[in-house]
Amino acid sequence: MRPSDRVSVVLAMRPARFEDHRFLGDKRNQRLYDLDDPELEQSVIDELMVAETFICFGPDTVEEARNRCYRFG
């Protein structure tokens, strides 16, 4: 593999206490965010943490988030 063939992906950093969670919801608009999504911007997570309007799901699955009426935005 040549250096020019490499692909770099920058993942958003997981918030403290959410290291073991993949999905995070915004209580204000019931949007669901996948913390493993490489297109998720860090600013979205930072804003959720500042506003304290986030929720995690147990079990940490899309199905559980949908059961609580959360959807990908």
PDB file of N, CA and C in Angstrom:
ATOM      1  N   MET A   1       0.843  -1.180   0.000  1.00  0.00           N
ATOM      2  CA  MET A   1       0.000   0.000   0.000  1.00  0.00           C
ATOM      3  C   MET A   1       0.888   1.242   0.000  1.00  0.00           C
ATOM      4  N   ARG A   2       0.615   2.123  -0.902  1.00  0.00           N
ATOM      5  CA  ARG A   2       1.352   3.384  -0.962  1.00  0.00           C
ATOM      6  C   ARG A   2       0.741   4.376   0.010  1.00  0.00           C
ATOM      7  N   PRO A   3       1.556   5.294   0.520  1.00  0.00           N
ATOM      8  CA  PRO A   3       1.007   6.303   1.461  1.00  0.00           C
ATOM      9  C   PRO A   3      -0.179   7.064   0.884  1.00  0.00           C
ATOM     10  N   SER A   4      -0.196   7.280  -0.423  1.00  0.00           N
ATOM     11  CA  SER A   4      -1.309   8.022  -1.029  1.00  0.00           C
ATOM     12  C   SER A   4      -2.586   7.196  -1.082  1.00  0.00           C
ATOM     13  N   ASP A   5      -2.487   5.873  -0.884  1.00  0.00           N
ATOM     14  CA  ASP A   5      -3.647   4.998  -0.905  1.00  0.00           C
ATOM     15  C   ASP A   5      -4.333   4.902   0.456  1.00  0.00           C
ATOM     16  N   ARG A   6      -3.732   5.434   1.471  1.00  0.00           N
ATOM     17  CA  ARG A   6      -4.290   5.322   2.815  1.00  0.00           C
ATOM     18  C   ARG A   6      -5.493   6.239   2.985  1.00  0.00           C
ATOM     19  N   VAL A   7      -6.395   5.762   3.769  1.00  0.00           N
ATOM     20  CA  VAL A   7      -7.591   6.541   4.076  1.00  0.00           C
ATOM     21  C   VAL A   7      -7.571   6.819   5.568  1.00  0.00           C
ATOM     22  N   SER A   8      -7.767   8.060   5.917  1.00  0.00           N
ATOM     23  CA  SER A   8      -7.814   8.375   7.338  1.00  0.00           C
ATOM     24  C   SER A   8      -9.241   8.742   7.718  1.00  0.00           C
ATOM     25  N   VAL A   9      -9.647   8.257   8.863  1.00  0.00           N
ATOM     26  CA  VAL A   9     -10.974   8.529   9.382  1.00  0.00           C
ATOM     27  C   VAL A   9     -10.803   9.101  10.775  1.00  0.00           C
ATOM     28  N   VAL A  10     -11.431  10.225  11.013  1.00  0.00           N
ATOM     29  CA  VAL A  10     -11.383  10.845  12.331  1.00  0.00           C
ATOM     30  C   VAL A  10     -12.744  10.635  12.977  1.00  0.00           C
ATOM     31  N   LEU A  11     -12.772   9.839  14.034  1.00  0.00           N
ATOM     32  CA  LEU A  11     -14.021   9.591  14.740  1.00  0.00           C
ATOM     33  C   LEU A  11     -14.204  10.630  15.839  1.00  0.00           C
ATOM     34  N   ALA A  12     -15.445  10.958  16.084  1.00  0.00           N
ATOM     35  CA  ALA A  12     -15.737  11.882  17.175  1.00  0.00           C
ATOM     36  C   ALA A  12     -15.353  11.209  18.486  1.00  0.00           C
ATOM     37  N   MET A  13     -14.838  12.001  19.395  1.00  0.00           N
ATOM     38  CA  MET A  13     -14.459  11.453  20.696  1.00  0.00           C
ATOM     39  C   MET A  13     -15.710  11.213  21.516  1.00  0.00           C
ATOM     40  N   ARG A  14     -15.747  10.071  22.176  1.00  0.00           N
ATOM     41  CA  ARG A  14     -16.900   9.752  23.005  1.00  0.00           C
ATOM     42  C   ARG A  14     -16.840  10.550  24.302  1.00  0.00           C
ATOM     43  N   PRO A  15     -17.979  11.051  24.722  1.00  0.00           N
ATOM     44  CA  PRO A  15     -18.010  11.800  25.977  1.00  0.00           C
ATOM     45  C   PRO A  15     -17.674  10.900  27.166  1.00  0.00           C
ATOM     46  N   ALA A  16     -17.167  11.504  28.217  1.00  0.00           N
ATOM     47  CA  ALA A  16     -16.897  10.767  29.452  1.00  0.00           C
ATOM     48  C   ALA A  16     -18.194  10.102  29.907  1.00  0.00           C
ATOM     49  N   ARG A  17     -18.085   8.935  30.468  1.00  0.00           N
ATOM     50  CA  ARG A  17     -19.205   8.111  30.941  1.00  0.00           C
ATOM     51  C   ARG A  17     -19.959   7.436  29.805  1.00  0.00           C
ATOM     52  N   PHE A  18     -19.587   7.678  28.548  1.00  0.00           N
ATOM     53  CA  PHE A  18     -20.267   7.056  27.413  1.00  0.00           C
ATOM     54  C   PHE A  18     -19.307   6.230  26.564  1.00  0.00           C
ATOM     55  N   GLU A  19     -18.173   5.853  27.153  1.00  0.00           N
ATOM     56  CA  GLU A  19     -17.178   5.099  26.410  1.00  0.00           C
ATOM     57  C   GLU A  19     -17.723   3.769  25.906  1.00  0.00           C
ATOM     58  N   ASP A  20     -18.663   3.192  26.644  1.00  0.00           N
ATOM     59  CA  ASP A  20     -19.212   1.883  26.283  1.00  0.00           C
ATOM     60  C   ASP A  20     -20.537   1.971  25.548  1.00  0.00           C
ATOM     61  N   HIS A  21     -20.940   3.161  25.155  1.00  0.00           N
ATOM     62  CA  HIS A  21     -22.206   3.348  24.444  1.00  0.00           C
ATOM     63  C   HIS A  21     -21.936   3.792  23.015  1.00  0.00           C
ATOM     64  N   ARG A  22     -22.733   3.286  22.102  1.00  0.00           N
ATOM     65  CA  ARG A  22     -22.596   3.668  20.701  1.00  0.00           C
ATOM     66  C   ARG A  22     -23.628   4.719  20.300  1.00  0.00           C
ATOM     67  N   PHE A  23     -24.832   4.629  20.851  1.00  0.00           N
ATOM     68  CA  PHE A  23     -25.917   5.511  20.434  1.00  0.00           C
ATOM     69  C   PHE A  23     -26.242   6.528  21.524  1.00  0.00           C
ATOM     70  N   LEU A  24     -26.469   7.758  21.087  1.00  0.00           N
ATOM     71  CA  LEU A  24     -26.763   8.860  21.985  1.00  0.00           C
ATOM     72  C   LEU A  24     -27.945   9.622  21.404  1.00  0.00           C
ATOM     73  N   GLY A  25     -28.902   9.989  22.244  1.00  0.00           N
ATOM     74  CA  GLY A  25     -30.082  10.701  21.777  1.00  0.00           C
ATOM     75  C   GLY A  25     -30.126  12.121  22.299  1.00  0.00           C
ATOM     76  N   ASP A  26     -30.782  12.984  21.532  1.00  0.00           N
ATOM     77  CA  ASP A  26     -31.011  14.371  21.927  1.00  0.00           C
ATOM     78  C   ASP A  26     -32.462  14.484  22.374  1.00  0.00           C
ATOM     79  N   LYS A  27     -32.679  14.785  23.639  1.00  0.00           N
ATOM     80  CA  LYS A  27     -34.026  14.840  24.204  1.00  0.00           C
ATOM     81  C   LYS A  27     -34.879  15.964  23.619  1.00  0.00           C
ATOM     82  N   ARG A  28     -34.246  17.007  23.097  1.00  0.00           N
ATOM     83  CA  ARG A  28     -34.994  18.162  22.597  1.00  0.00           C
ATOM     84  C   ARG A  28     -35.758  17.840  21.321  1.00  0.00           C
ATOM     85  N   ASN A  29     -35.175  17.027  20.452  1.00  0.00           N
ATOM     86  CA  ASN A  29     -35.793  16.756  19.162  1.00  0.00           C
ATOM     87  C   ASN A  29     -35.872  15.271  18.839  1.00  0.00           C
ATOM     88  N   GLN A  30     -35.494  14.445  19.812  1.00  0.00           N
ATOM     89  CA  GLN A  30     -35.514  12.985  19.714  1.00  0.00           C
ATOM     90  C   GLN A  30     -34.710  12.474  18.513  1.00  0.00           C
ATOM     91  N   ARG A  31     -33.593  13.154  18.251  1.00  0.00           N
ATOM     92  CA  ARG A  31     -32.668  12.686  17.217  1.00  0.00           C
ATOM     93  C   ARG A  31     -31.710  11.686  17.820  1.00  0.00           C
ATOM     94  N   LEU A  32     -31.348  10.724  17.006  1.00  0.00           N
ATOM     95  CA  LEU A  32     -30.441   9.665  17.419  1.00  0.00           C
ATOM     96  C   LEU A  32     -29.109   9.856  16.708  1.00  0.00           C
ATOM     97  N   TYR A  33     -28.010   9.739  17.446  1.00  0.00           N
ATOM     98  CA  TYR A  33     -26.673   9.875  16.884  1.00  0.00           C
ATOM     99  C   TYR A  33     -25.877   8.600  17.129  1.00  0.00           C
ATOM    100  N   ASP A  34     -25.169   8.170  16.108  1.00  0.00           N
ATOM    101  CA  ASP A  34     -24.292   7.008  16.183  1.00  0.00           C
ATOM    102  C   ASP A  34     -22.879   7.529  16.414  1.00  0.00           C
ATOM    103  N   LEU A  35     -22.323   7.279  17.580  1.00  0.00           N
ATOM    104  CA  LEU A  35     -20.996   7.797  17.908  1.00  0.00           C
ATOM    105  C   LEU A  35     -19.896   7.142  17.079  1.00  0.00           C
ATOM    106  N   ASP A  36     -20.207   6.041  16.388  1.00  0.00           N
ATOM    107  CA  ASP A  36     -19.235   5.398  15.504  1.00  0.00           C
ATOM    108  C   ASP A  36     -19.319   5.911  14.067  1.00  0.00           C
ATOM    109  N   ASP A  37     -20.231   6.830  13.797  1.00  0.00           N
ATOM    110  CA  ASP A  37     -20.391   7.384  12.452  1.00  0.00           C
ATOM    111  C   ASP A  37     -19.251   8.353  12.166  1.00  0.00           C
ATOM    112  N   PRO A  38     -18.427   8.059  11.145  1.00  0.00           N
ATOM    113  CA  PRO A  38     -17.294   8.947  10.857  1.00  0.00           C
ATOM    114  C   PRO A  38     -17.711  10.337  10.376  1.00  0.00           C
ATOM    115  N   GLU A  39     -18.950  10.511   9.961  1.00  0.00           N
ATOM    116  CA  GLU A  39     -19.419  11.813   9.490  1.00  0.00           C
ATOM    117  C   GLU A  39     -20.021  12.671  10.609  1.00  0.00           C
ATOM    118  N   LEU A  40     -20.156  12.100  11.797  1.00  0.00           N
ATOM    119  CA  LEU A  40     -20.689  12.852  12.934  1.00  0.00           C
ATOM    120  C   LEU A  40     -19.651  13.866  13.395  1.00  0.00           C
ATOM    121  N   GLU A  41     -20.056  15.115  13.455  1.00  0.00           N
ATOM    122  CA  GLU A  41     -19.125  16.173  13.840  1.00  0.00           C
ATOM    123  C   GLU A  41     -19.031  16.276  15.355  1.00  0.00           C
ATOM    124  N   GLN A  42     -17.832  16.495  15.835  1.00  0.00           N
ATOM    125  CA  GLN A  42     -17.571  16.620  17.268  1.00  0.00           C
ATOM    126  C   GLN A  42     -18.394  17.753  17.878  1.00  0.00           C
ATOM    127  N   SER A  43     -18.651  18.791  17.107  1.00  0.00           N
ATOM    128  CA  SER A  43     -19.405  19.940  17.628  1.00  0.00           C
ATOM    129  C   SER A  43     -20.823  19.545  18.044  1.00  0.00           C
ATOM    130  N   VAL A  44     -21.414  18.571  17.370  1.00  0.00           N
ATOM    131  CA  VAL A  44     -22.759  18.103  17.729  1.00  0.00           C
ATOM    132  C   VAL A  44     -22.733  17.479  19.114  1.00  0.00           C
ATOM    133  N   ILE A  45     -21.758  16.631  19.361  1.00  0.00           N
ATOM    134  CA  ILE A  45     -21.633  15.977  20.664  1.00  0.00           C
ATOM    135  C   ILE A  45     -21.317  17.000  21.747  1.00  0.00           C
ATOM    136  N   ASP A  46     -20.407  17.906  21.447  1.00  0.00           N
ATOM    137  CA  ASP A  46     -20.045  18.941  22.419  1.00  0.00           C
ATOM    138  C   ASP A  46     -21.264  19.770  22.819  1.00  0.00           C
ATOM    139  N   GLU A  47     -22.085  20.134  21.846  1.00  0.00           N
ATOM    140  CA  GLU A  47     -23.271  20.936  22.108  1.00  0.00           C
ATOM    141  C   GLU A  47     -24.268  20.171  22.982  1.00  0.00           C
ATOM    142  N   LEU A  48     -24.420  18.868  22.735  1.00  0.00           N
ATOM    143  CA  LEU A  48     -25.304  18.043  23.563  1.00  0.00           C
ATOM    144  C   LEU A  48     -24.817  17.988  25.011  1.00  0.00           C
ATOM    145  N   MET A  49     -23.519  17.872  25.182  1.00  0.00           N
ATOM    146  CA  MET A  49     -22.961  17.799  26.529  1.00  0.00           C
ATOM    147  C   MET A  49     -23.153  19.109  27.288  1.00  0.00           C
ATOM    148  N   VAL A  50     -22.971  20.234  26.605  1.00  0.00           N
ATOM    149  CA  VAL A  50     -23.144  21.547  27.233  1.00  0.00           C
ATOM    150  C   VAL A  50     -24.614  21.768  27.603  1.00  0.00           C
ATOM    151  N   ALA A  51     -25.520  21.398  26.691  1.00  0.00           N
ATOM    152  CA  ALA A  51     -26.947  21.604  26.924  1.00  0.00           C
ATOM    153  C   ALA A  51     -27.532  20.588  27.901  1.00  0.00           C
ATOM    154  N   GLU A  52     -26.805  19.494  28.143  1.00  0.00           N
ATOM    155  CA  GLU A  52     -27.259  18.418  29.025  1.00  0.00           C
ATOM    156  C   GLU A  52     -28.621  17.879  28.608  1.00  0.00           C
ATOM    157  N   THR A  53     -28.784  17.681  27.300  1.00  0.00           N
ATOM    158  CA  THR A  53     -30.051  17.171  26.763  1.00  0.00           C
ATOM    159  C   THR A  53     -29.859  15.821  26.095  1.00  0.00           C
ATOM    160  N   PHE A  54     -28.950  15.027  26.604  1.00  0.00           N
ATOM    161  CA  PHE A  54     -28.617  13.752  25.983  1.00  0.00           C
ATOM    162  C   PHE A  54     -29.186  12.583  26.781  1.00  0.00           C
ATOM    163  N   ILE A  55     -29.292  11.456  26.103  1.00  0.00           N
ATOM    164  CA  ILE A  55     -29.751  10.226  26.734  1.00  0.00           C
ATOM    165  C   ILE A  55     -29.035   9.062  26.064  1.00  0.00           C
ATOM    166  N   CYS A  56     -28.744   8.038  26.841  1.00  0.00           N
ATOM    167  CA  CYS A  56     -28.217   6.807  26.258  1.00  0.00           C
ATOM    168  C   CYS A  56     -29.281   5.736  26.449  1.00  0.00           C
ATOM    169  N   PHE A  57     -29.105   4.611  25.806  1.00  0.00           N
ATOM    170  CA  PHE A  57     -30.127   3.584  25.781  1.00  0.00           C
ATOM    171  C   PHE A  57     -29.596   2.273  26.341  1.00  0.00           C
ATOM    172  N   GLY A  58     -30.465   1.536  26.998  1.00  0.00           N
ATOM    173  CA  GLY A  58     -30.093   0.232  27.511  1.00  0.00           C
ATOM    174  C   GLY A  58     -31.191  -0.764  27.163  1.00  0.00           C
ATOM    175  N   PRO A  59     -30.913  -1.701  26.323  1.00  0.00           N
ATOM    176  CA  PRO A  59     -29.626  -1.983  25.697  1.00  0.00           C
ATOM    177  C   PRO A  59     -29.276  -0.938  24.653  1.00  0.00           C
ATOM    178  N   ASP A  60     -27.997  -0.844  24.357  1.00  0.00           N
ATOM    179  CA  ASP A  60     -27.451   0.169  23.447  1.00  0.00           C
ATOM    180  C   ASP A  60     -27.643  -0.273  21.994  1.00  0.00           C
ATOM    181  N   THR A  61     -28.902  -0.209  21.536  1.00  0.00           N
ATOM    182  CA  THR A  61     -29.237  -0.652  20.182  1.00  0.00           C
ATOM    183  C   THR A  61     -30.151   0.362  19.506  1.00  0.00           C
ATOM    184  N   VAL A  62     -30.168   0.318  18.184  1.00  0.00           N
ATOM    185  CA  VAL A  62     -31.078   1.176  17.411  1.00  0.00           C
ATOM    186  C   VAL A  62     -32.522   0.813  17.742  1.00  0.00           C
ATOM    187  N   GLU A  63     -32.782  -0.469  17.906  1.00  0.00           N
ATOM    188  CA  GLU A  63     -34.149  -0.909  18.201  1.00  0.00           C
ATOM    189  C   GLU A  63     -34.663  -0.302  19.506  1.00  0.00           C
ATOM    190  N   GLU A  64     -33.817  -0.268  20.532  1.00  0.00           N
ATOM    191  CA  GLU A  64     -34.234   0.335  21.806  1.00  0.00           C
ATOM    192  C   GLU A  64     -34.473   1.829  21.648  1.00  0.00           C
ATOM    193  N   ALA A  65     -33.617   2.502  20.897  1.00  0.00           N
ATOM    194  CA  ALA A  65     -33.809   3.936  20.647  1.00  0.00           C
ATOM    195  C   ALA A  65     -35.124   4.173  19.904  1.00  0.00           C
ATOM    196  N   ARG A  66     -35.422   3.345  18.925  1.00  0.00           N
ATOM    197  CA  ARG A  66     -36.681   3.480  18.191  1.00  0.00           C
ATOM    198  C   ARG A  66     -37.879   3.203  19.087  1.00  0.00           C
ATOM    199  N   ASN A  67     -37.743   2.258  20.019  1.00  0.00           N
ATOM    200  CA  ASN A  67     -38.825   1.995  20.970  1.00  0.00           C
ATOM    201  C   ASN A  67     -39.144   3.233  21.790  1.00  0.00           C
ATOM    202  N   ARG A  68     -38.155   4.090  21.976  1.00  0.00           N
ATOM    203  CA  ARG A  68     -38.344   5.349  22.727  1.00  0.00           C
ATOM    204  C   ARG A  68     -38.593   6.536  21.795  1.00  0.00           C
ATOM    205  N   CYS A  69     -38.905   6.243  20.528  1.00  0.00           N
ATOM    206  CA  CYS A  69     -39.269   7.248  19.514  1.00  0.00           C
ATOM    207  C   CYS A  69     -38.109   8.124  19.058  1.00  0.00           C
ATOM    208  N   TYR A  70     -36.876   7.635  19.161  1.00  0.00           N
ATOM    209  CA  TYR A  70     -35.718   8.365  18.645  1.00  0.00           C
ATOM    210  C   TYR A  70     -35.421   7.879  17.239  1.00  0.00           C
ATOM    211  N   ARG A  71     -35.055   8.818  16.359  1.00  0.00           N
ATOM    212  CA  ARG A  71     -34.760   8.508  14.959  1.00  0.00           C
ATOM    213  C   ARG A  71     -33.492   9.242  14.543  1.00  0.00           C
ATOM    214  N   PHE A  72     -32.798   8.671  13.556  1.00  0.00           N
ATOM    215  CA  PHE A  72     -31.628   9.355  13.011  1.00  0.00           C
ATOM    216  C   PHE A  72     -32.087  10.636  12.340  1.00  0.00           C
ATOM    217  N   GLY A  73     -31.338  11.713  12.558  1.00  0.00           N
ATOM    218  CA  GLY A  73     -31.720  13.028  12.084  1.00  0.00           C
ATOM    219  C   GLY A  73     -31.293  13.301  10.722  1.00  0.00           C
TER     220      GLY A  73
END
